[in-house]
N, C-alpha and C. Protein backbone atom coordinates (compact mmCIF):
# COMPACT_ATOMS: atom_id res chain seq x y z
N MET A 1 44.06 76.20 -5.06
CA MET A 1 43.38 75.18 -4.35
C MET A 1 42.41 74.47 -5.25
N SER A 2 42.21 73.28 -4.98
CA SER A 2 41.26 72.54 -5.81
C SER A 2 39.85 72.92 -5.42
N GLY A 3 38.94 72.55 -6.27
CA GLY A 3 37.55 72.91 -6.05
C GLY A 3 36.93 72.13 -4.89
N ARG A 4 37.64 71.24 -4.38
CA ARG A 4 37.07 70.46 -3.28
C ARG A 4 37.76 70.81 -2.00
N SER A 5 37.00 70.85 -1.03
CA SER A 5 37.57 71.09 0.28
C SER A 5 37.65 69.78 1.02
N SER A 6 38.49 69.71 1.97
CA SER A 6 38.58 68.49 2.76
C SER A 6 37.35 68.29 3.61
N LEU A 7 36.53 69.27 3.70
CA LEU A 7 35.32 69.15 4.50
C LEU A 7 34.11 68.71 3.67
N THR A 8 34.30 68.57 2.36
CA THR A 8 33.19 68.15 1.51
C THR A 8 32.94 66.67 1.69
N ARG A 9 31.71 66.37 1.76
CA ARG A 9 31.34 64.96 1.96
C ARG A 9 31.34 64.20 0.64
N ALA A 10 31.80 63.00 0.70
CA ALA A 10 31.73 62.09 -0.45
C ALA A 10 30.37 61.40 -0.43
N ARG A 11 30.01 60.78 -1.52
CA ARG A 11 28.74 60.05 -1.56
C ARG A 11 28.77 58.91 -0.54
N PRO A 12 27.61 58.62 0.04
CA PRO A 12 27.57 57.54 1.04
C PRO A 12 28.01 56.22 0.43
N GLY A 13 28.73 55.43 1.20
CA GLY A 13 29.15 54.10 0.79
C GLY A 13 30.38 54.10 -0.08
N THR A 14 31.04 55.24 -0.22
CA THR A 14 32.27 55.29 -1.02
C THR A 14 33.38 55.80 -0.16
N GLY A 15 34.55 55.68 -0.63
CA GLY A 15 35.68 56.19 0.11
C GLY A 15 36.45 55.07 0.79
N PRO A 16 37.57 55.42 1.40
CA PRO A 16 38.43 54.41 1.99
C PRO A 16 37.82 53.71 3.20
N ALA A 17 36.92 54.30 3.92
CA ALA A 17 36.36 53.67 5.12
C ALA A 17 35.11 52.84 4.81
N ALA A 18 34.62 52.85 3.57
CA ALA A 18 33.39 52.13 3.23
C ALA A 18 33.62 50.62 3.27
N PRO A 19 32.65 49.87 3.79
CA PRO A 19 32.80 48.41 3.84
C PRO A 19 32.74 47.83 2.43
N ALA A 20 33.40 46.70 2.25
CA ALA A 20 33.40 46.04 0.95
C ALA A 20 32.01 45.46 0.69
N ARG A 21 31.52 45.63 -0.51
CA ARG A 21 30.19 45.10 -0.85
C ARG A 21 30.37 43.88 -1.74
N TRP A 22 29.62 42.85 -1.42
CA TRP A 22 29.64 41.62 -2.20
C TRP A 22 28.31 41.48 -2.91
N SER A 23 28.37 40.95 -4.10
CA SER A 23 27.12 40.73 -4.82
C SER A 23 26.37 39.53 -4.23
N ARG A 24 27.06 38.63 -3.57
CA ARG A 24 26.44 37.49 -2.89
C ARG A 24 27.35 37.05 -1.76
N PHE A 25 26.77 36.31 -0.85
CA PHE A 25 27.52 35.85 0.30
C PHE A 25 28.36 34.65 -0.10
N ARG A 26 29.62 34.64 0.28
CA ARG A 26 30.51 33.53 -0.05
C ARG A 26 31.02 32.89 1.23
N LEU A 27 30.96 31.57 1.26
CA LEU A 27 31.50 30.84 2.39
C LEU A 27 33.00 30.69 2.24
N PRO A 28 33.69 30.54 3.34
CA PRO A 28 35.13 30.29 3.25
C PRO A 28 35.38 28.99 2.47
N GLY A 29 36.52 28.84 1.86
CA GLY A 29 36.86 27.71 1.01
C GLY A 29 36.70 26.35 1.68
N ARG A 30 37.09 26.21 2.93
CA ARG A 30 36.99 24.92 3.62
C ARG A 30 35.54 24.50 3.83
N VAL A 31 34.68 25.45 4.13
CA VAL A 31 33.27 25.15 4.34
C VAL A 31 32.64 24.69 3.02
N GLN A 32 33.01 25.34 1.93
CA GLN A 32 32.49 24.94 0.62
C GLN A 32 32.91 23.51 0.28
N ILE A 33 34.14 23.20 0.50
CA ILE A 33 34.65 21.86 0.20
C ILE A 33 33.94 20.82 1.06
N ALA A 34 33.75 21.10 2.34
CA ALA A 34 33.06 20.17 3.23
C ALA A 34 31.61 19.95 2.78
N GLY A 35 30.94 21.00 2.32
CA GLY A 35 29.57 20.88 1.84
C GLY A 35 29.47 20.03 0.59
N VAL A 36 30.41 20.22 -0.32
CA VAL A 36 30.41 19.44 -1.55
C VAL A 36 30.67 17.97 -1.24
N LEU A 37 31.63 17.69 -0.35
CA LEU A 37 31.92 16.30 0.02
C LEU A 37 30.72 15.64 0.71
N ALA A 38 30.05 16.37 1.59
CA ALA A 38 28.87 15.82 2.26
C ALA A 38 27.78 15.51 1.24
N GLY A 39 27.57 16.39 0.27
CA GLY A 39 26.57 16.15 -0.77
C GLY A 39 26.90 14.93 -1.61
N VAL A 40 28.16 14.76 -1.96
CA VAL A 40 28.59 13.60 -2.75
C VAL A 40 28.39 12.31 -1.95
N LEU A 41 28.73 12.33 -0.68
CA LEU A 41 28.55 11.13 0.15
C LEU A 41 27.08 10.76 0.31
N ILE A 42 26.23 11.75 0.51
CA ILE A 42 24.79 11.47 0.64
C ILE A 42 24.24 10.91 -0.66
N ALA A 43 24.61 11.49 -1.79
CA ALA A 43 24.14 10.99 -3.09
C ALA A 43 24.62 9.57 -3.34
N ALA A 44 25.87 9.28 -2.99
CA ALA A 44 26.40 7.92 -3.17
C ALA A 44 25.66 6.94 -2.27
N GLY A 45 25.37 7.34 -1.04
CA GLY A 45 24.62 6.47 -0.13
C GLY A 45 23.23 6.16 -0.65
N ILE A 46 22.54 7.16 -1.17
CA ILE A 46 21.20 6.95 -1.73
C ILE A 46 21.28 6.04 -2.95
N GLY A 47 22.30 6.22 -3.78
CA GLY A 47 22.47 5.36 -4.95
C GLY A 47 22.70 3.91 -4.58
N VAL A 48 23.56 3.67 -3.60
CA VAL A 48 23.83 2.31 -3.15
C VAL A 48 22.56 1.70 -2.55
N LEU A 49 21.83 2.45 -1.75
CA LEU A 49 20.59 1.96 -1.16
C LEU A 49 19.55 1.65 -2.22
N ALA A 50 19.46 2.49 -3.24
CA ALA A 50 18.49 2.26 -4.32
C ALA A 50 18.81 1.00 -5.10
N LEU A 51 20.07 0.68 -5.24
CA LEU A 51 20.45 -0.55 -5.95
C LEU A 51 20.34 -1.78 -5.07
N TRP A 52 20.62 -1.65 -3.80
CA TRP A 52 20.65 -2.79 -2.88
C TRP A 52 19.27 -3.20 -2.41
N LEU A 53 18.41 -2.23 -2.08
CA LEU A 53 17.12 -2.52 -1.46
C LEU A 53 16.19 -3.37 -2.31
N PRO A 54 15.98 -3.09 -3.60
CA PRO A 54 15.06 -3.93 -4.37
C PRO A 54 15.51 -5.38 -4.47
N GLN A 55 16.80 -5.62 -4.51
CA GLN A 55 17.29 -6.99 -4.62
C GLN A 55 17.02 -7.78 -3.36
N HIS A 56 17.12 -7.13 -2.21
CA HIS A 56 16.98 -7.85 -0.96
C HIS A 56 15.55 -7.87 -0.43
N SER A 57 14.75 -6.88 -0.77
CA SER A 57 13.37 -6.88 -0.26
C SER A 57 12.47 -7.76 -1.10
N SER A 58 12.73 -7.93 -2.39
CA SER A 58 11.88 -8.76 -3.23
C SER A 58 12.25 -10.22 -3.15
N ALA A 59 13.40 -10.51 -2.57
CA ALA A 59 13.82 -11.90 -2.49
C ALA A 59 12.92 -12.70 -1.57
N GLY A 60 12.43 -12.07 -0.49
CA GLY A 60 11.54 -12.76 0.44
C GLY A 60 12.25 -13.93 1.07
N PRO A 61 11.47 -14.85 1.64
CA PRO A 61 12.09 -16.02 2.24
C PRO A 61 12.67 -16.93 1.15
N ARG A 62 13.75 -17.53 1.48
CA ARG A 62 14.41 -18.43 0.54
C ARG A 62 13.53 -19.66 0.30
N ALA A 63 13.45 -20.05 -0.95
CA ALA A 63 12.67 -21.24 -1.29
C ALA A 63 13.37 -22.45 -0.71
N GLY A 64 12.63 -23.27 -0.09
CA GLY A 64 13.17 -24.47 0.51
C GLY A 64 12.07 -25.52 0.60
N PRO A 65 12.36 -26.64 1.20
CA PRO A 65 11.36 -27.70 1.26
C PRO A 65 10.12 -27.30 2.06
N ARG A 66 10.23 -26.33 2.97
CA ARG A 66 9.09 -25.96 3.79
C ARG A 66 8.46 -24.64 3.37
N ALA A 67 8.91 -24.07 2.27
CA ALA A 67 8.37 -22.79 1.82
C ALA A 67 6.90 -22.94 1.44
N ALA A 68 6.07 -22.01 1.91
CA ALA A 68 4.65 -22.05 1.60
C ALA A 68 4.42 -21.55 0.19
N SER A 69 3.47 -22.17 -0.49
CA SER A 69 3.15 -21.72 -1.84
C SER A 69 2.33 -20.44 -1.76
N PRO A 70 2.47 -19.55 -2.74
CA PRO A 70 1.70 -18.31 -2.71
C PRO A 70 0.22 -18.59 -2.88
N PRO A 71 -0.63 -17.71 -2.38
CA PRO A 71 -2.05 -17.96 -2.49
C PRO A 71 -2.50 -17.93 -3.95
N ALA A 72 -3.48 -18.76 -4.26
CA ALA A 72 -4.02 -18.82 -5.62
C ALA A 72 -5.20 -17.87 -5.73
N TRP A 73 -5.14 -16.99 -6.73
CA TRP A 73 -6.25 -16.05 -6.93
C TRP A 73 -7.17 -16.57 -8.03
N GLN A 74 -7.06 -17.83 -8.38
CA GLN A 74 -7.94 -18.46 -9.35
C GLN A 74 -8.36 -19.80 -8.74
N ARG A 75 -9.63 -19.99 -8.59
CA ARG A 75 -10.16 -21.22 -8.01
C ARG A 75 -11.30 -21.71 -8.88
N PRO A 76 -11.74 -22.95 -8.69
CA PRO A 76 -12.85 -23.45 -9.51
C PRO A 76 -14.10 -22.57 -9.34
N ALA A 77 -14.66 -22.14 -10.46
CA ALA A 77 -15.86 -21.31 -10.42
C ALA A 77 -17.08 -22.17 -10.15
N VAL A 78 -17.91 -21.71 -9.23
CA VAL A 78 -19.14 -22.42 -8.88
C VAL A 78 -20.28 -21.41 -8.79
N SER A 79 -21.49 -21.92 -8.76
CA SER A 79 -22.64 -21.04 -8.54
C SER A 79 -22.74 -20.74 -7.05
N ALA A 80 -23.66 -19.88 -6.70
CA ALA A 80 -23.84 -19.55 -5.28
C ALA A 80 -24.21 -20.80 -4.48
N SER A 81 -25.05 -21.66 -5.04
CA SER A 81 -25.40 -22.90 -4.33
C SER A 81 -24.23 -23.88 -4.34
N GLY A 82 -23.41 -23.86 -5.38
CA GLY A 82 -22.24 -24.72 -5.45
C GLY A 82 -21.18 -24.34 -4.43
N LEU A 83 -21.17 -23.07 -4.02
CA LEU A 83 -20.23 -22.62 -2.99
C LEU A 83 -20.49 -23.36 -1.68
N ALA A 84 -21.74 -23.56 -1.35
CA ALA A 84 -22.09 -24.28 -0.12
C ALA A 84 -21.61 -25.73 -0.18
N GLU A 85 -21.74 -26.35 -1.34
CA GLU A 85 -21.31 -27.75 -1.49
C GLU A 85 -19.79 -27.87 -1.43
N ARG A 86 -19.09 -26.95 -2.08
CA ARG A 86 -17.64 -27.06 -2.19
C ARG A 86 -16.90 -26.48 -0.98
N SER A 87 -17.33 -25.31 -0.48
CA SER A 87 -16.61 -24.64 0.61
C SER A 87 -17.35 -24.64 1.94
N GLY A 88 -18.57 -25.11 1.95
CA GLY A 88 -19.30 -25.19 3.21
C GLY A 88 -19.87 -23.88 3.71
N VAL A 89 -19.94 -22.86 2.84
CA VAL A 89 -20.50 -21.57 3.24
C VAL A 89 -21.50 -21.08 2.19
N ARG A 90 -22.45 -20.27 2.64
CA ARG A 90 -23.41 -19.65 1.74
C ARG A 90 -23.13 -18.16 1.74
N LEU A 91 -22.99 -17.59 0.56
CA LEU A 91 -22.72 -16.17 0.42
C LEU A 91 -23.99 -15.39 0.69
N ILE A 92 -23.92 -14.44 1.62
CA ILE A 92 -25.09 -13.62 1.95
C ILE A 92 -25.06 -12.33 1.14
N ARG A 93 -23.96 -11.59 1.21
CA ARG A 93 -23.87 -10.34 0.45
C ARG A 93 -22.45 -9.80 0.46
N VAL A 94 -22.22 -8.89 -0.51
CA VAL A 94 -21.02 -8.07 -0.56
C VAL A 94 -21.53 -6.64 -0.67
N ALA A 95 -21.11 -5.78 0.25
CA ALA A 95 -21.61 -4.41 0.26
C ALA A 95 -20.49 -3.42 0.53
N VAL A 96 -20.63 -2.25 -0.07
CA VAL A 96 -19.69 -1.16 0.18
C VAL A 96 -20.10 -0.50 1.50
N THR A 97 -19.11 -0.20 2.32
CA THR A 97 -19.36 0.46 3.61
C THR A 97 -18.19 1.38 3.92
N GLY A 98 -18.26 2.05 5.04
CA GLY A 98 -17.16 2.92 5.46
C GLY A 98 -16.87 4.03 4.48
N GLY A 99 -17.91 4.65 3.93
CA GLY A 99 -17.71 5.75 2.99
C GLY A 99 -17.08 5.30 1.69
N GLY A 100 -17.19 4.02 1.36
CA GLY A 100 -16.63 3.48 0.12
C GLY A 100 -15.26 2.87 0.30
N GLY A 101 -14.64 3.04 1.46
CA GLY A 101 -13.29 2.54 1.68
C GLY A 101 -13.21 1.11 2.18
N LEU A 102 -14.37 0.48 2.39
CA LEU A 102 -14.39 -0.89 2.90
C LEU A 102 -15.42 -1.71 2.13
N LEU A 103 -15.19 -3.03 2.05
CA LEU A 103 -16.17 -3.96 1.50
C LEU A 103 -16.52 -4.96 2.59
N ASP A 104 -17.81 -5.11 2.83
CA ASP A 104 -18.33 -6.01 3.86
C ASP A 104 -18.81 -7.28 3.17
N LEU A 105 -18.14 -8.39 3.44
CA LEU A 105 -18.52 -9.70 2.89
C LEU A 105 -19.16 -10.51 4.01
N ARG A 106 -20.41 -10.91 3.81
CA ARG A 106 -21.12 -11.73 4.81
C ARG A 106 -21.34 -13.12 4.25
N TYR A 107 -21.12 -14.12 5.09
CA TYR A 107 -21.36 -15.50 4.70
C TYR A 107 -21.90 -16.28 5.88
N GLN A 108 -22.64 -17.34 5.57
CA GLN A 108 -23.21 -18.20 6.62
C GLN A 108 -22.59 -19.59 6.48
N VAL A 109 -22.20 -20.17 7.59
CA VAL A 109 -21.57 -21.49 7.58
C VAL A 109 -22.66 -22.56 7.47
N ILE A 110 -22.49 -23.43 6.49
CA ILE A 110 -23.39 -24.57 6.30
C ILE A 110 -22.72 -25.83 6.84
N ASP A 111 -21.47 -26.06 6.46
CA ASP A 111 -20.70 -27.22 6.91
C ASP A 111 -19.40 -26.72 7.56
N PRO A 112 -19.30 -26.75 8.90
CA PRO A 112 -18.11 -26.21 9.58
C PRO A 112 -16.80 -26.88 9.16
N ASN A 113 -16.83 -28.16 8.83
CA ASN A 113 -15.60 -28.85 8.43
C ASN A 113 -15.05 -28.31 7.12
N LYS A 114 -15.91 -28.10 6.13
CA LYS A 114 -15.48 -27.55 4.84
C LYS A 114 -15.16 -26.05 4.97
N ALA A 115 -15.90 -25.35 5.81
CA ALA A 115 -15.74 -23.90 5.96
C ALA A 115 -14.41 -23.51 6.58
N ALA A 116 -13.72 -24.44 7.21
CA ALA A 116 -12.41 -24.13 7.81
C ALA A 116 -11.42 -23.67 6.75
N ALA A 117 -11.63 -24.05 5.49
CA ALA A 117 -10.72 -23.66 4.40
C ALA A 117 -10.82 -22.17 4.07
N VAL A 118 -11.84 -21.48 4.57
CA VAL A 118 -12.03 -20.06 4.27
C VAL A 118 -10.84 -19.23 4.75
N HIS A 119 -10.23 -19.63 5.85
CA HIS A 119 -9.12 -18.85 6.42
C HIS A 119 -7.76 -19.53 6.31
N GLU A 120 -7.64 -20.53 5.45
CA GLU A 120 -6.35 -21.18 5.28
C GLU A 120 -5.41 -20.27 4.49
N ALA A 121 -4.11 -20.38 4.75
CA ALA A 121 -3.12 -19.52 4.10
C ALA A 121 -3.04 -19.76 2.60
N ARG A 122 -3.27 -20.97 2.14
CA ARG A 122 -3.17 -21.22 0.70
C ARG A 122 -4.45 -20.88 -0.04
N THR A 123 -5.55 -20.68 0.67
CA THR A 123 -6.81 -20.26 0.04
C THR A 123 -7.44 -19.11 0.83
N PRO A 124 -6.75 -17.98 0.93
CA PRO A 124 -7.30 -16.87 1.72
C PRO A 124 -8.50 -16.25 1.01
N PRO A 125 -9.40 -15.65 1.77
CA PRO A 125 -10.55 -14.99 1.14
C PRO A 125 -10.10 -13.76 0.36
N ALA A 126 -10.80 -13.48 -0.72
CA ALA A 126 -10.46 -12.33 -1.55
C ALA A 126 -11.67 -11.93 -2.38
N ILE A 127 -11.63 -10.71 -2.87
CA ILE A 127 -12.65 -10.19 -3.78
C ILE A 127 -11.91 -9.62 -4.98
N ILE A 128 -12.34 -10.00 -6.18
CA ILE A 128 -11.70 -9.51 -7.41
C ILE A 128 -12.71 -8.68 -8.18
N ASP A 129 -12.34 -7.44 -8.47
CA ASP A 129 -13.19 -6.58 -9.28
C ASP A 129 -13.11 -7.08 -10.73
N GLU A 130 -14.24 -7.45 -11.30
CA GLU A 130 -14.24 -8.04 -12.64
C GLU A 130 -13.94 -7.01 -13.72
N HIS A 131 -14.17 -5.74 -13.48
CA HIS A 131 -13.90 -4.72 -14.49
C HIS A 131 -12.41 -4.41 -14.59
N THR A 132 -11.73 -4.29 -13.45
CA THR A 132 -10.32 -3.90 -13.44
C THR A 132 -9.37 -5.06 -13.19
N GLY A 133 -9.86 -6.16 -12.62
CA GLY A 133 -8.99 -7.28 -12.26
C GLY A 133 -8.28 -7.07 -10.93
N LEU A 134 -8.60 -6.00 -10.23
CA LEU A 134 -7.98 -5.68 -8.95
C LEU A 134 -8.36 -6.72 -7.90
N VAL A 135 -7.36 -7.26 -7.20
CA VAL A 135 -7.58 -8.26 -6.14
C VAL A 135 -7.58 -7.55 -4.80
N LEU A 136 -8.69 -7.60 -4.09
CA LEU A 136 -8.77 -7.05 -2.73
C LEU A 136 -8.64 -8.23 -1.77
N ASN A 137 -7.53 -8.28 -1.06
CA ASN A 137 -7.30 -9.40 -0.15
C ASN A 137 -6.81 -8.94 1.22
N ARG A 138 -6.73 -7.64 1.43
CA ARG A 138 -6.29 -7.12 2.74
C ARG A 138 -7.51 -6.91 3.62
N LEU A 139 -7.55 -7.65 4.69
CA LEU A 139 -8.64 -7.52 5.65
C LEU A 139 -8.38 -6.34 6.57
N LEU A 140 -9.42 -5.65 6.94
CA LEU A 140 -9.29 -4.49 7.83
C LEU A 140 -8.62 -4.93 9.12
N MET A 141 -7.50 -4.30 9.42
CA MET A 141 -6.72 -4.56 10.63
C MET A 141 -6.36 -6.04 10.78
N GLY A 142 -6.24 -6.75 9.65
CA GLY A 142 -5.83 -8.15 9.68
C GLY A 142 -6.86 -9.08 10.30
N HIS A 143 -8.11 -8.63 10.39
CA HIS A 143 -9.15 -9.43 11.03
C HIS A 143 -9.41 -10.72 10.26
N ALA A 144 -9.45 -11.79 10.98
CA ALA A 144 -9.87 -13.09 10.44
C ALA A 144 -10.42 -13.89 11.62
N HIS A 145 -11.40 -14.72 11.34
CA HIS A 145 -12.00 -15.51 12.41
C HIS A 145 -11.03 -16.59 12.86
N HIS A 146 -10.92 -16.75 14.14
CA HIS A 146 -10.08 -17.81 14.71
C HIS A 146 -10.97 -18.68 15.56
N GLY A 147 -10.68 -19.95 15.55
CA GLY A 147 -11.47 -20.86 16.35
C GLY A 147 -12.44 -21.65 15.48
N GLN A 148 -13.24 -22.45 16.15
CA GLN A 148 -14.19 -23.33 15.48
C GLN A 148 -15.36 -22.55 14.90
N LEU A 149 -15.64 -22.76 13.62
CA LEU A 149 -16.81 -22.16 12.99
C LEU A 149 -18.03 -23.00 13.35
N LYS A 150 -19.18 -22.34 13.50
CA LYS A 150 -20.41 -23.03 13.90
C LYS A 150 -21.43 -22.99 12.78
N ALA A 151 -22.13 -24.08 12.60
CA ALA A 151 -23.15 -24.17 11.56
C ALA A 151 -24.28 -23.19 11.85
N ALA A 152 -24.86 -22.63 10.78
CA ALA A 152 -26.00 -21.71 10.81
C ALA A 152 -25.65 -20.34 11.41
N VAL A 153 -24.38 -20.06 11.61
CA VAL A 153 -23.96 -18.76 12.14
C VAL A 153 -23.40 -17.94 10.98
N SER A 154 -23.75 -16.66 10.94
CA SER A 154 -23.24 -15.76 9.92
C SER A 154 -21.96 -15.09 10.42
N TYR A 155 -20.98 -14.99 9.52
CA TYR A 155 -19.70 -14.36 9.82
C TYR A 155 -19.46 -13.25 8.79
N TYR A 156 -18.52 -12.39 9.08
CA TYR A 156 -18.23 -11.30 8.16
C TYR A 156 -16.73 -11.14 7.99
N LEU A 157 -16.36 -10.59 6.84
CA LEU A 157 -14.98 -10.21 6.55
C LEU A 157 -15.04 -8.79 6.00
N ILE A 158 -14.21 -7.90 6.52
CA ILE A 158 -14.17 -6.51 6.05
C ILE A 158 -12.86 -6.31 5.29
N PHE A 159 -12.98 -6.06 3.99
CA PHE A 159 -11.82 -5.85 3.13
C PHE A 159 -11.56 -4.36 2.96
N GLU A 160 -10.29 -4.00 2.88
CA GLU A 160 -9.91 -2.62 2.59
C GLU A 160 -10.14 -2.37 1.10
N ASN A 161 -10.88 -1.31 0.80
CA ASN A 161 -11.17 -0.91 -0.58
C ASN A 161 -10.48 0.44 -0.83
N THR A 162 -9.16 0.45 -0.65
CA THR A 162 -8.39 1.68 -0.78
C THR A 162 -8.57 2.26 -2.17
N GLY A 163 -8.88 3.53 -2.23
CA GLY A 163 -9.09 4.19 -3.51
C GLY A 163 -10.52 4.05 -4.01
N ASN A 164 -11.36 3.38 -3.23
CA ASN A 164 -12.78 3.18 -3.60
C ASN A 164 -12.93 2.61 -5.00
N TRP A 165 -12.11 1.64 -5.35
CA TRP A 165 -12.16 1.05 -6.68
C TRP A 165 -13.45 0.29 -6.92
N VAL A 166 -13.87 -0.49 -5.93
CA VAL A 166 -15.11 -1.25 -6.06
C VAL A 166 -16.24 -0.40 -5.52
N ARG A 167 -17.30 -0.25 -6.32
CA ARG A 167 -18.42 0.61 -5.94
C ARG A 167 -19.72 -0.17 -5.97
N ARG A 168 -20.76 0.43 -5.44
CA ARG A 168 -22.08 -0.19 -5.51
C ARG A 168 -22.43 -0.44 -6.97
N GLY A 169 -22.95 -1.62 -7.25
CA GLY A 169 -23.31 -1.98 -8.62
C GLY A 169 -22.20 -2.68 -9.38
N SER A 170 -20.96 -2.66 -8.85
CA SER A 170 -19.84 -3.36 -9.52
C SER A 170 -20.08 -4.86 -9.45
N GLU A 171 -19.55 -5.58 -10.44
CA GLU A 171 -19.58 -7.03 -10.40
C GLU A 171 -18.22 -7.53 -9.94
N VAL A 172 -18.23 -8.44 -8.97
CA VAL A 172 -17.00 -8.96 -8.39
C VAL A 172 -17.03 -10.48 -8.38
N THR A 173 -15.85 -11.07 -8.24
CA THR A 173 -15.71 -12.51 -8.03
C THR A 173 -15.29 -12.68 -6.58
N VAL A 174 -16.02 -13.50 -5.85
CA VAL A 174 -15.75 -13.73 -4.43
C VAL A 174 -15.04 -15.07 -4.28
N LEU A 175 -13.87 -15.06 -3.65
CA LEU A 175 -13.11 -16.28 -3.39
C LEU A 175 -13.23 -16.63 -1.92
N LEU A 176 -13.87 -17.75 -1.66
CA LEU A 176 -14.03 -18.25 -0.30
C LEU A 176 -13.68 -19.73 -0.29
N GLY A 177 -12.72 -20.10 0.52
CA GLY A 177 -12.33 -21.50 0.60
C GLY A 177 -11.78 -22.00 -0.72
N ASN A 178 -12.26 -23.13 -1.18
CA ASN A 178 -11.75 -23.79 -2.39
C ASN A 178 -12.58 -23.47 -3.62
N ALA A 179 -13.29 -22.35 -3.64
CA ALA A 179 -14.15 -22.04 -4.79
C ALA A 179 -14.26 -20.53 -4.96
N GLN A 180 -14.80 -20.15 -6.11
CA GLN A 180 -15.08 -18.74 -6.36
C GLN A 180 -16.45 -18.62 -7.01
N VAL A 181 -17.15 -17.54 -6.63
CA VAL A 181 -18.44 -17.23 -7.21
C VAL A 181 -18.27 -15.96 -8.03
N GLU A 182 -18.61 -16.04 -9.31
CA GLU A 182 -18.42 -14.91 -10.21
C GLU A 182 -19.70 -14.10 -10.36
N HIS A 183 -19.54 -12.87 -10.83
CA HIS A 183 -20.64 -11.96 -11.17
C HIS A 183 -21.54 -11.64 -9.98
N VAL A 184 -20.95 -11.45 -8.82
CA VAL A 184 -21.70 -11.04 -7.64
C VAL A 184 -21.82 -9.51 -7.70
N VAL A 185 -23.04 -9.00 -7.60
CA VAL A 185 -23.27 -7.56 -7.67
C VAL A 185 -23.10 -6.97 -6.27
N VAL A 186 -22.28 -5.93 -6.17
CA VAL A 186 -22.01 -5.28 -4.89
C VAL A 186 -23.17 -4.36 -4.54
N LYS A 187 -23.62 -4.42 -3.29
CA LYS A 187 -24.72 -3.59 -2.82
C LYS A 187 -24.23 -2.35 -2.13
């Protein structure tokens, strides 16, 4: 007789009844093929979108006889008193507010007829940081005065200062109407 009896136990996990062990889980062949095809289709779709989107989003409205000209971020430089003569407004102050994320521009209307240019599409109000050249022209929640401006009344514009680029003590150029005032110190 051999040294082994039929009653001797084999090591666990061995023998004819032991389940097959895999070093990793494998999907059936059809599932693998479907996954690869889905991945290829998604990658191709992203590639087509990446090539198509910049061409169509940067095109904007087609140039035509009625196309509006883009706003000018360079206007004739004037002194603070010259701003009143040219644009009909007197600059009161530019101040950082909202934890640094906003710029508060205050102005007083001297001549309502000239001051109407402050909110025209071709001469929108803006603030330019003189150190970086950054143009801040986005008004908080799109706020702009509508209606007739009144003489001797103070108005305000709140610009988004995303990233807190403009700080107290910075020098900025203020564009209002048909003129710009340079070297305005932010409070």
